[in-house]
Amino acid sequence: MIAILGYIAMVCLITSFIPQVIKSIKDGHSNGVSLGFIILALVGFVLMWLYIYLTTLIIPVLLNYGFNSAMVLVVLYYKLFPRKVV
């Protein structure tokens, strides 16, 4: 039962950034998201990934933080390099 809670949490965390990633790609920018939030989220996800990797090595949790880091990188990219509107 506890494992099921963990998997549900993992799905929620992984999918939480999907709407912002889609919006950033569609709009070509991430102007509505603060740079501080993006950087803190990315640093937190990467550090947590390293912690899990170096200590308990729970693969689903490792995948969760890896996917979240990748999605935050997409949002960061569109924050730093917005697509030019023609």
N, C-alpha and C. Protein backbone atom coordinates (compact mmCIF):
# COMPACT_ATOMS: atom_id res chain seq x y z
N MET A 1 0.82 -1.20 0.00
CA MET A 1 0.00 0.00 0.00
C MET A 1 0.86 1.26 0.00
N ILE A 2 1.93 1.25 0.77
CA ILE A 2 2.83 2.41 0.82
C ILE A 2 3.51 2.61 -0.52
N ALA A 3 3.88 1.51 -1.17
CA ALA A 3 4.51 1.62 -2.50
C ALA A 3 3.56 2.26 -3.50
N ILE A 4 2.28 1.95 -3.40
CA ILE A 4 1.29 2.54 -4.32
C ILE A 4 1.24 4.05 -4.12
N LEU A 5 1.28 4.50 -2.88
CA LEU A 5 1.32 5.94 -2.61
C LEU A 5 2.54 6.58 -3.26
N GLY A 6 3.67 5.91 -3.16
CA GLY A 6 4.90 6.42 -3.78
C GLY A 6 4.78 6.53 -5.28
N TYR A 7 4.20 5.52 -5.91
CA TYR A 7 4.03 5.56 -7.37
C TYR A 7 3.05 6.65 -7.79
N ILE A 8 1.98 6.83 -7.03
CA ILE A 8 1.03 7.90 -7.34
C ILE A 8 1.71 9.25 -7.21
N ALA A 9 2.52 9.43 -6.15
CA ALA A 9 3.26 10.68 -5.96
C ALA A 9 4.22 10.90 -7.12
N MET A 10 4.90 9.84 -7.56
CA MET A 10 5.84 9.96 -8.67
C MET A 10 5.13 10.42 -9.94
N VAL A 11 3.98 9.83 -10.23
CA VAL A 11 3.22 10.21 -11.43
C VAL A 11 2.79 11.67 -11.33
N CYS A 12 2.32 12.08 -10.15
CA CYS A 12 1.90 13.48 -9.96
C CYS A 12 3.06 14.44 -10.17
N LEU A 13 4.21 14.11 -9.60
CA LEU A 13 5.37 15.00 -9.72
C LEU A 13 5.89 15.06 -11.16
N ILE A 14 5.95 13.92 -11.81
CA ILE A 14 6.42 13.91 -13.20
C ILE A 14 5.48 14.70 -14.10
N THR A 15 4.18 14.49 -13.93
CA THR A 15 3.22 15.15 -14.81
C THR A 15 2.97 16.61 -14.44
N SER A 16 3.41 17.05 -13.28
CA SER A 16 3.11 18.42 -12.86
C SER A 16 3.76 19.47 -13.76
N PHE A 17 4.88 19.15 -14.37
CA PHE A 17 5.56 20.11 -15.23
C PHE A 17 5.12 20.02 -16.70
N ILE A 18 4.42 18.97 -17.05
CA ILE A 18 4.03 18.78 -18.45
C ILE A 18 3.21 19.95 -19.00
N PRO A 19 2.20 20.46 -18.28
CA PRO A 19 1.46 21.60 -18.84
C PRO A 19 2.34 22.83 -19.11
N GLN A 20 3.29 23.10 -18.22
CA GLN A 20 4.17 24.24 -18.43
C GLN A 20 5.12 24.00 -19.59
N VAL A 21 5.61 22.79 -19.73
CA VAL A 21 6.50 22.46 -20.85
C VAL A 21 5.75 22.63 -22.17
N ILE A 22 4.53 22.11 -22.25
CA ILE A 22 3.73 22.24 -23.47
C ILE A 22 3.46 23.71 -23.77
N LYS A 23 3.08 24.47 -22.75
CA LYS A 23 2.81 25.89 -22.94
C LYS A 23 4.06 26.64 -23.40
N SER A 24 5.21 26.34 -22.80
CA SER A 24 6.46 27.00 -23.19
C SER A 24 6.82 26.70 -24.63
N ILE A 25 6.66 25.45 -25.03
CA ILE A 25 6.97 25.07 -26.41
C ILE A 25 5.99 25.75 -27.37
N LYS A 26 4.70 25.71 -27.03
CA LYS A 26 3.67 26.29 -27.90
C LYS A 26 3.84 27.80 -28.04
N ASP A 27 4.06 28.49 -26.90
CA ASP A 27 4.21 29.95 -26.91
C ASP A 27 5.59 30.40 -27.38
N GLY A 28 6.58 29.51 -27.25
CA GLY A 28 7.94 29.88 -27.64
C GLY A 28 8.67 30.67 -26.57
N HIS A 29 8.10 30.74 -25.37
CA HIS A 29 8.77 31.45 -24.26
C HIS A 29 8.21 30.95 -22.94
N SER A 30 8.90 31.29 -21.87
CA SER A 30 8.46 30.97 -20.52
C SER A 30 8.38 32.24 -19.69
N ASN A 31 7.87 33.30 -20.29
CA ASN A 31 7.86 34.60 -19.62
C ASN A 31 7.05 34.60 -18.33
N GLY A 32 6.03 33.78 -18.21
CA GLY A 32 5.19 33.78 -17.03
C GLY A 32 5.76 33.03 -15.84
N VAL A 33 6.91 32.40 -16.03
CA VAL A 33 7.53 31.62 -14.95
C VAL A 33 8.78 32.36 -14.49
N SER A 34 8.90 32.51 -13.18
CA SER A 34 10.06 33.25 -12.66
C SER A 34 11.34 32.42 -12.82
N LEU A 35 12.41 33.11 -13.18
CA LEU A 35 13.72 32.46 -13.35
C LEU A 35 14.18 31.84 -12.04
N GLY A 36 13.89 32.51 -10.93
CA GLY A 36 14.27 31.97 -9.61
C GLY A 36 13.61 30.63 -9.34
N PHE A 37 12.32 30.53 -9.68
CA PHE A 37 11.61 29.26 -9.49
C PHE A 37 12.24 28.16 -10.34
N ILE A 38 12.52 28.47 -11.59
CA ILE A 38 13.09 27.48 -12.50
C ILE A 38 14.44 26.99 -11.98
N ILE A 39 15.29 27.91 -11.58
CA ILE A 39 16.63 27.54 -11.11
C ILE A 39 16.56 26.74 -9.81
N LEU A 40 15.73 27.20 -8.86
CA LEU A 40 15.61 26.47 -7.59
C LEU A 40 15.03 25.07 -7.81
N ALA A 41 14.04 24.95 -8.68
CA ALA A 41 13.46 23.63 -8.98
C ALA A 41 14.51 22.73 -9.60
N LEU A 42 15.26 23.25 -10.56
CA LEU A 42 16.28 22.46 -11.23
C LEU A 42 17.37 22.01 -10.26
N VAL A 43 17.88 22.93 -9.45
CA VAL A 43 18.91 22.58 -8.47
C VAL A 43 18.37 21.54 -7.49
N GLY A 44 17.14 21.74 -7.01
CA GLY A 44 16.54 20.78 -6.09
C GLY A 44 16.39 19.40 -6.70
N PHE A 45 15.91 19.33 -7.94
CA PHE A 45 15.73 18.04 -8.60
C PHE A 45 17.08 17.34 -8.83
N VAL A 46 18.07 18.09 -9.29
CA VAL A 46 19.38 17.49 -9.56
C VAL A 46 20.03 17.01 -8.26
N LEU A 47 19.99 17.84 -7.22
CA LEU A 47 20.58 17.43 -5.94
C LEU A 47 19.86 16.22 -5.36
N MET A 48 18.54 16.18 -5.47
CA MET A 48 17.80 15.03 -4.96
C MET A 48 18.11 13.80 -5.78
N TRP A 49 18.28 13.95 -7.10
CA TRP A 49 18.67 12.84 -7.96
C TRP A 49 20.02 12.28 -7.49
N LEU A 50 20.97 13.18 -7.25
CA LEU A 50 22.29 12.74 -6.78
C LEU A 50 22.20 12.04 -5.43
N TYR A 51 21.40 12.59 -4.53
CA TYR A 51 21.23 11.99 -3.21
C TYR A 51 20.67 10.57 -3.31
N ILE A 52 19.61 10.41 -4.10
CA ILE A 52 19.01 9.09 -4.28
C ILE A 52 20.01 8.14 -4.93
N TYR A 53 20.73 8.64 -5.94
CA TYR A 53 21.71 7.82 -6.65
C TYR A 53 22.81 7.34 -5.71
N LEU A 54 23.27 8.23 -4.85
CA LEU A 54 24.40 7.91 -3.97
C LEU A 54 24.00 7.17 -2.70
N THR A 55 22.73 7.15 -2.34
CA THR A 55 22.34 6.50 -1.09
C THR A 55 21.48 5.27 -1.32
N THR A 56 20.22 5.44 -1.60
CA THR A 56 19.28 4.31 -1.62
C THR A 56 19.07 3.69 -2.99
N LEU A 57 19.33 4.43 -4.04
CA LEU A 57 19.19 3.94 -5.42
C LEU A 57 17.83 3.28 -5.67
N ILE A 58 16.77 4.04 -5.40
CA ILE A 58 15.41 3.59 -5.70
C ILE A 58 15.10 4.06 -7.12
N ILE A 59 15.04 3.14 -8.04
CA ILE A 59 14.94 3.45 -9.47
C ILE A 59 13.73 4.34 -9.80
N PRO A 60 12.51 4.04 -9.32
CA PRO A 60 11.39 4.93 -9.66
C PRO A 60 11.60 6.37 -9.19
N VAL A 61 12.18 6.54 -8.03
CA VAL A 61 12.43 7.89 -7.52
C VAL A 61 13.53 8.56 -8.36
N LEU A 62 14.53 7.79 -8.73
CA LEU A 62 15.61 8.30 -9.58
C LEU A 62 15.04 8.76 -10.92
N LEU A 63 14.16 7.96 -11.50
CA LEU A 63 13.53 8.33 -12.77
C LEU A 63 12.68 9.59 -12.62
N ASN A 64 11.98 9.69 -11.51
CA ASN A 64 11.14 10.85 -11.24
C ASN A 64 11.97 12.13 -11.29
N TYR A 65 13.04 12.18 -10.54
CA TYR A 65 13.85 13.39 -10.50
C TYR A 65 14.60 13.63 -11.82
N GLY A 66 14.93 12.56 -12.53
CA GLY A 66 15.54 12.71 -13.84
C GLY A 66 14.59 13.33 -14.85
N PHE A 67 13.35 12.82 -14.91
CA PHE A 67 12.34 13.39 -15.81
C PHE A 67 12.00 14.82 -15.44
N ASN A 68 11.86 15.09 -14.14
CA ASN A 68 11.55 16.45 -13.71
C ASN A 68 12.66 17.42 -14.10
N SER A 69 13.90 16.98 -13.94
CA SER A 69 15.04 17.83 -14.32
C SER A 69 15.00 18.14 -15.81
N ALA A 70 14.70 17.13 -16.61
CA ALA A 70 14.64 17.33 -18.07
C ALA A 70 13.54 18.31 -18.43
N MET A 71 12.38 18.20 -17.79
CA MET A 71 11.28 19.10 -18.11
C MET A 71 11.58 20.54 -17.67
N VAL A 72 12.22 20.68 -16.52
CA VAL A 72 12.59 22.03 -16.06
C VAL A 72 13.62 22.63 -17.01
N LEU A 73 14.51 21.81 -17.57
CA LEU A 73 15.49 22.31 -18.53
C LEU A 73 14.80 22.86 -19.78
N VAL A 74 13.72 22.24 -20.21
CA VAL A 74 12.96 22.75 -21.37
C VAL A 74 12.38 24.12 -21.04
N VAL A 75 11.77 24.25 -19.85
CA VAL A 75 11.20 25.53 -19.44
C VAL A 75 12.31 26.58 -19.33
N LEU A 76 13.46 26.20 -18.78
CA LEU A 76 14.59 27.12 -18.66
C LEU A 76 15.08 27.56 -20.03
N TYR A 77 15.15 26.63 -20.97
CA TYR A 77 15.59 26.98 -22.33
C TYR A 77 14.70 28.07 -22.92
N TYR A 78 13.38 27.88 -22.82
CA TYR A 78 12.47 28.88 -23.38
C TYR A 78 12.45 30.17 -22.57
N LYS A 79 12.89 30.12 -21.33
CA LYS A 79 13.02 31.33 -20.54
C LYS A 79 14.23 32.12 -21.01
N LEU A 80 15.34 31.43 -21.24
CA LEU A 80 16.58 32.10 -21.64
C LEU A 80 16.64 32.41 -23.13
N PHE A 81 16.02 31.58 -23.96
CA PHE A 81 16.07 31.76 -25.41
C PHE A 81 14.66 31.74 -26.01
N PRO A 82 13.87 32.76 -25.75
CA PRO A 82 12.51 32.78 -26.30
C PRO A 82 12.53 32.80 -27.81
N ARG A 83 11.57 32.13 -28.40
CA ARG A 83 11.46 32.09 -29.86
C ARG A 83 11.03 33.47 -30.34
N LYS A 84 11.62 33.91 -31.42
CA LYS A 84 11.29 35.20 -31.99
C LYS A 84 9.93 35.13 -32.68
N VAL A 85 9.06 36.05 -32.36
CA VAL A 85 7.75 36.11 -33.01
C VAL A 85 7.87 36.91 -34.28
N VAL A 86 7.37 36.34 -35.40
CA VAL A 86 7.48 37.00 -36.70
C VAL A 86 6.21 37.71 -37.02
